[in-house]
């Protein structure tokens, strides 16, 4: 565990004043936010990767389609 001193806006401090385990609550909130940020980064990377290989994937699919249909003609 690492101890941190943080400053919160007054309205947020008021909202969490009655929460018994403020450290646990804040830690969980930060973890959820970091998870969301990391998921968004991963989603963005995956989308970029799919876009980058779209042309190659289409060409491979066309080749497989030709091979697959050869015996049916």
N, C-alpha and C. Protein backbone atom coordinates (compact mmCIF):
# COMPACT_ATOMS: atom_id res chain seq x y z
N UNK A 1 0.84 -1.19 0.00
CA UNK A 1 0.00 0.00 0.00
C UNK A 1 0.88 1.25 0.00
N UNK A 2 0.41 2.23 -0.70
CA UNK A 2 1.10 3.52 -0.79
C UNK A 2 0.15 4.59 -0.29
N UNK A 3 0.61 5.42 0.60
CA UNK A 3 -0.21 6.50 1.15
C UNK A 3 -0.05 7.73 0.27
N UNK A 4 -1.18 8.34 -0.11
CA UNK A 4 -1.17 9.54 -0.94
C UNK A 4 -2.03 10.62 -0.28
N UNK A 5 -1.62 11.85 -0.44
CA UNK A 5 -2.45 12.98 -0.05
C UNK A 5 -3.03 13.55 -1.34
N UNK A 6 -4.34 13.61 -1.41
CA UNK A 6 -4.98 14.13 -2.62
C UNK A 6 -5.92 15.27 -2.26
N UNK A 7 -6.21 16.08 -3.24
CA UNK A 7 -7.15 17.18 -3.08
C UNK A 7 -8.34 16.91 -3.98
N UNK A 8 -9.54 17.01 -3.41
CA UNK A 8 -10.77 16.78 -4.16
C UNK A 8 -11.61 18.04 -4.17
N UNK A 9 -12.39 18.23 -5.23
CA UNK A 9 -13.33 19.35 -5.22
C UNK A 9 -14.30 19.20 -4.03
N UNK A 10 -14.71 20.32 -3.51
CA UNK A 10 -15.58 20.33 -2.31
C UNK A 10 -16.83 19.47 -2.50
N UNK A 11 -17.46 19.55 -3.68
CA UNK A 11 -18.71 18.80 -3.88
C UNK A 11 -18.48 17.29 -3.84
N UNK A 12 -17.34 16.85 -4.33
CA UNK A 12 -17.03 15.41 -4.27
C UNK A 12 -16.72 15.01 -2.82
N UNK A 13 -15.97 15.84 -2.13
CA UNK A 13 -15.66 15.56 -0.72
C UNK A 13 -16.94 15.45 0.09
N UNK A 14 -17.92 16.31 -0.18
CA UNK A 14 -19.20 16.25 0.53
C UNK A 14 -19.96 14.96 0.22
N UNK A 15 -19.91 14.54 -1.05
CA UNK A 15 -20.63 13.32 -1.43
C UNK A 15 -20.06 12.07 -0.79
N UNK A 16 -18.74 12.04 -0.54
CA UNK A 16 -18.15 10.83 0.02
C UNK A 16 -17.91 10.93 1.53
N UNK A 17 -18.33 12.01 2.16
CA UNK A 17 -18.02 12.21 3.58
C UNK A 17 -18.59 11.12 4.47
N UNK A 18 -19.73 10.52 4.10
CA UNK A 18 -20.36 9.51 4.95
C UNK A 18 -19.96 8.07 4.57
N UNK A 19 -19.11 7.93 3.60
CA UNK A 19 -18.66 6.59 3.22
C UNK A 19 -17.61 6.14 4.24
N UNK A 20 -17.85 4.97 4.86
CA UNK A 20 -16.95 4.55 5.94
C UNK A 20 -15.50 4.30 5.49
N UNK A 21 -15.30 3.66 4.37
CA UNK A 21 -13.94 3.34 3.90
C UNK A 21 -13.63 4.19 2.66
N UNK A 22 -13.32 5.44 2.89
CA UNK A 22 -13.06 6.37 1.78
C UNK A 22 -11.88 5.91 0.92
N UNK A 23 -10.83 5.42 1.56
CA UNK A 23 -9.65 4.97 0.80
C UNK A 23 -10.03 3.82 -0.13
N UNK A 24 -10.77 2.86 0.37
CA UNK A 24 -11.21 1.74 -0.46
C UNK A 24 -12.12 2.19 -1.59
N UNK A 25 -13.02 3.12 -1.27
CA UNK A 25 -13.95 3.64 -2.27
C UNK A 25 -13.20 4.37 -3.39
N UNK A 26 -12.27 5.23 -3.00
CA UNK A 26 -11.50 6.00 -3.99
C UNK A 26 -10.61 5.06 -4.79
N UNK A 27 -10.00 4.08 -4.13
CA UNK A 27 -9.15 3.12 -4.83
C UNK A 27 -9.94 2.35 -5.87
N UNK A 28 -11.14 1.90 -5.50
CA UNK A 28 -12.00 1.17 -6.44
C UNK A 28 -12.42 2.06 -7.61
N UNK A 29 -12.75 3.32 -7.33
CA UNK A 29 -13.16 4.25 -8.39
C UNK A 29 -12.00 4.50 -9.36
N UNK A 30 -10.81 4.68 -8.83
CA UNK A 30 -9.64 4.92 -9.68
C UNK A 30 -9.36 3.68 -10.53
N UNK A 31 -9.46 2.49 -9.92
CA UNK A 31 -9.22 1.24 -10.64
C UNK A 31 -10.22 1.09 -11.78
N UNK A 32 -11.50 1.36 -11.52
CA UNK A 32 -12.52 1.28 -12.57
C UNK A 32 -12.23 2.25 -13.71
N UNK A 33 -11.82 3.46 -13.37
CA UNK A 33 -11.50 4.45 -14.40
C UNK A 33 -10.29 4.01 -15.22
N UNK A 34 -9.26 3.49 -14.56
CA UNK A 34 -8.07 3.02 -15.28
C UNK A 34 -8.41 1.83 -16.19
N UNK A 35 -9.26 0.93 -15.70
CA UNK A 35 -9.70 -0.21 -16.53
C UNK A 35 -10.41 0.29 -17.78
N UNK A 36 -11.28 1.30 -17.63
CA UNK A 36 -12.00 1.87 -18.77
C UNK A 36 -11.04 2.51 -19.77
N UNK A 37 -10.08 3.26 -19.26
CA UNK A 37 -9.09 3.91 -20.12
C UNK A 37 -8.28 2.86 -20.89
N UNK A 38 -7.84 1.82 -20.19
CA UNK A 38 -7.06 0.77 -20.84
C UNK A 38 -7.88 0.01 -21.88
N UNK A 39 -9.16 -0.22 -21.60
CA UNK A 39 -10.02 -0.89 -22.57
C UNK A 39 -10.21 -0.02 -23.81
N UNK A 40 -10.40 1.28 -23.61
CA UNK A 40 -10.54 2.19 -24.74
C UNK A 40 -9.27 2.21 -25.59
N UNK A 41 -8.10 2.19 -24.95
CA UNK A 41 -6.84 2.15 -25.69
C UNK A 41 -6.73 0.87 -26.51
N UNK A 42 -7.09 -0.26 -25.88
CA UNK A 42 -7.03 -1.55 -26.57
C UNK A 42 -8.00 -1.57 -27.74
N UNK A 43 -9.22 -1.10 -27.52
CA UNK A 43 -10.22 -1.05 -28.60
C UNK A 43 -9.69 -0.22 -29.77
N UNK A 44 -9.08 0.92 -29.46
CA UNK A 44 -8.54 1.78 -30.52
C UNK A 44 -7.44 1.07 -31.30
N UNK A 45 -6.54 0.39 -30.58
CA UNK A 45 -5.47 -0.35 -31.25
C UNK A 45 -6.02 -1.48 -32.12
N UNK A 46 -7.03 -2.18 -31.62
CA UNK A 46 -7.63 -3.27 -32.41
C UNK A 46 -8.29 -2.72 -33.67
N UNK A 47 -9.00 -1.62 -33.54
CA UNK A 47 -9.65 -1.01 -34.71
C UNK A 47 -8.60 -0.59 -35.73
N UNK A 48 -7.54 0.05 -35.27
CA UNK A 48 -6.47 0.46 -36.17
C UNK A 48 -5.84 -0.75 -36.86
N UNK A 49 -5.65 -1.83 -36.10
CA UNK A 49 -5.07 -3.05 -36.67
C UNK A 49 -5.97 -3.67 -37.72
N UNK A 50 -7.27 -3.73 -37.41
CA UNK A 50 -8.22 -4.29 -38.38
C UNK A 50 -8.26 -3.44 -39.66
N UNK A 51 -8.24 -2.13 -39.49
CA UNK A 51 -8.25 -1.25 -40.66
C UNK A 51 -6.98 -1.42 -41.49
N UNK A 52 -5.85 -1.59 -40.80
CA UNK A 52 -4.57 -1.71 -41.50
C UNK A 52 -4.48 -3.00 -42.31
N UNK A 53 -5.17 -4.05 -41.86
CA UNK A 53 -5.07 -5.34 -42.56
C UNK A 53 -6.31 -5.64 -43.40
N UNK A 54 -7.21 -4.69 -43.50
CA UNK A 54 -8.47 -4.91 -44.21
C UNK A 54 -8.25 -5.34 -45.66
N UNK A 55 -7.37 -4.65 -46.38
CA UNK A 55 -7.14 -4.96 -47.79
C UNK A 55 -6.55 -6.37 -47.93
N UNK A 56 -5.55 -6.67 -47.10
CA UNK A 56 -4.92 -7.99 -47.15
C UNK A 56 -5.93 -9.09 -46.82
N UNK A 57 -6.76 -8.86 -45.81
CA UNK A 57 -7.78 -9.84 -45.43
C UNK A 57 -8.76 -10.08 -46.57
N UNK A 58 -9.14 -9.01 -47.26
CA UNK A 58 -10.08 -9.14 -48.37
C UNK A 58 -9.46 -9.97 -49.49
N UNK A 59 -8.18 -9.73 -49.79
CA UNK A 59 -7.50 -10.49 -50.83
C UNK A 59 -7.41 -11.97 -50.46
N UNK A 60 -7.08 -12.26 -49.22
CA UNK A 60 -7.00 -13.65 -48.77
C UNK A 60 -8.37 -14.32 -48.87
N UNK A 61 -9.41 -13.62 -48.45
CA UNK A 61 -10.76 -14.17 -48.53
C UNK A 61 -11.15 -14.48 -49.98
N UNK A 62 -10.79 -13.60 -50.89
CA UNK A 62 -11.11 -13.84 -52.30
C UNK A 62 -10.36 -15.06 -52.83
N UNK A 63 -9.09 -15.23 -52.42
CA UNK A 63 -8.33 -16.40 -52.84
C UNK A 63 -8.98 -17.69 -52.31
N UNK A 64 -9.36 -17.68 -51.04
CA UNK A 64 -9.99 -18.85 -50.45
C UNK A 64 -11.33 -19.14 -51.11
N UNK A 65 -12.05 -18.10 -51.44
CA UNK A 65 -13.35 -18.28 -52.09
C UNK A 65 -13.17 -18.98 -53.44
N UNK A 66 -12.16 -18.57 -54.20
CA UNK A 66 -11.88 -19.22 -55.49
C UNK A 66 -11.55 -20.69 -55.29
N UNK A 67 -10.68 -20.98 -54.33
CA UNK A 67 -10.26 -22.36 -54.07
C UNK A 67 -11.44 -23.19 -53.59
N UNK A 68 -12.25 -22.64 -52.72
CA UNK A 68 -13.40 -23.36 -52.17
C UNK A 68 -14.42 -23.68 -53.25
N UNK A 69 -14.62 -22.77 -54.18
CA UNK A 69 -15.65 -22.95 -55.21
C UNK A 69 -15.17 -23.77 -56.40
N UNK A 70 -13.87 -24.05 -56.52
CA UNK A 70 -13.33 -24.78 -57.67
C UNK A 70 -14.03 -26.12 -57.89
N UNK A 71 -14.25 -26.88 -56.87
CA UNK A 71 -14.86 -28.20 -57.01
C UNK A 71 -16.35 -28.17 -57.27
N UNK A 72 -16.99 -27.03 -57.13
CA UNK A 72 -18.44 -26.92 -57.27
C UNK A 72 -18.87 -26.44 -58.65
N UNK A 73 -17.93 -26.11 -59.47
CA UNK A 73 -18.29 -25.58 -60.80
C UNK A 73 -18.42 -26.68 -61.79
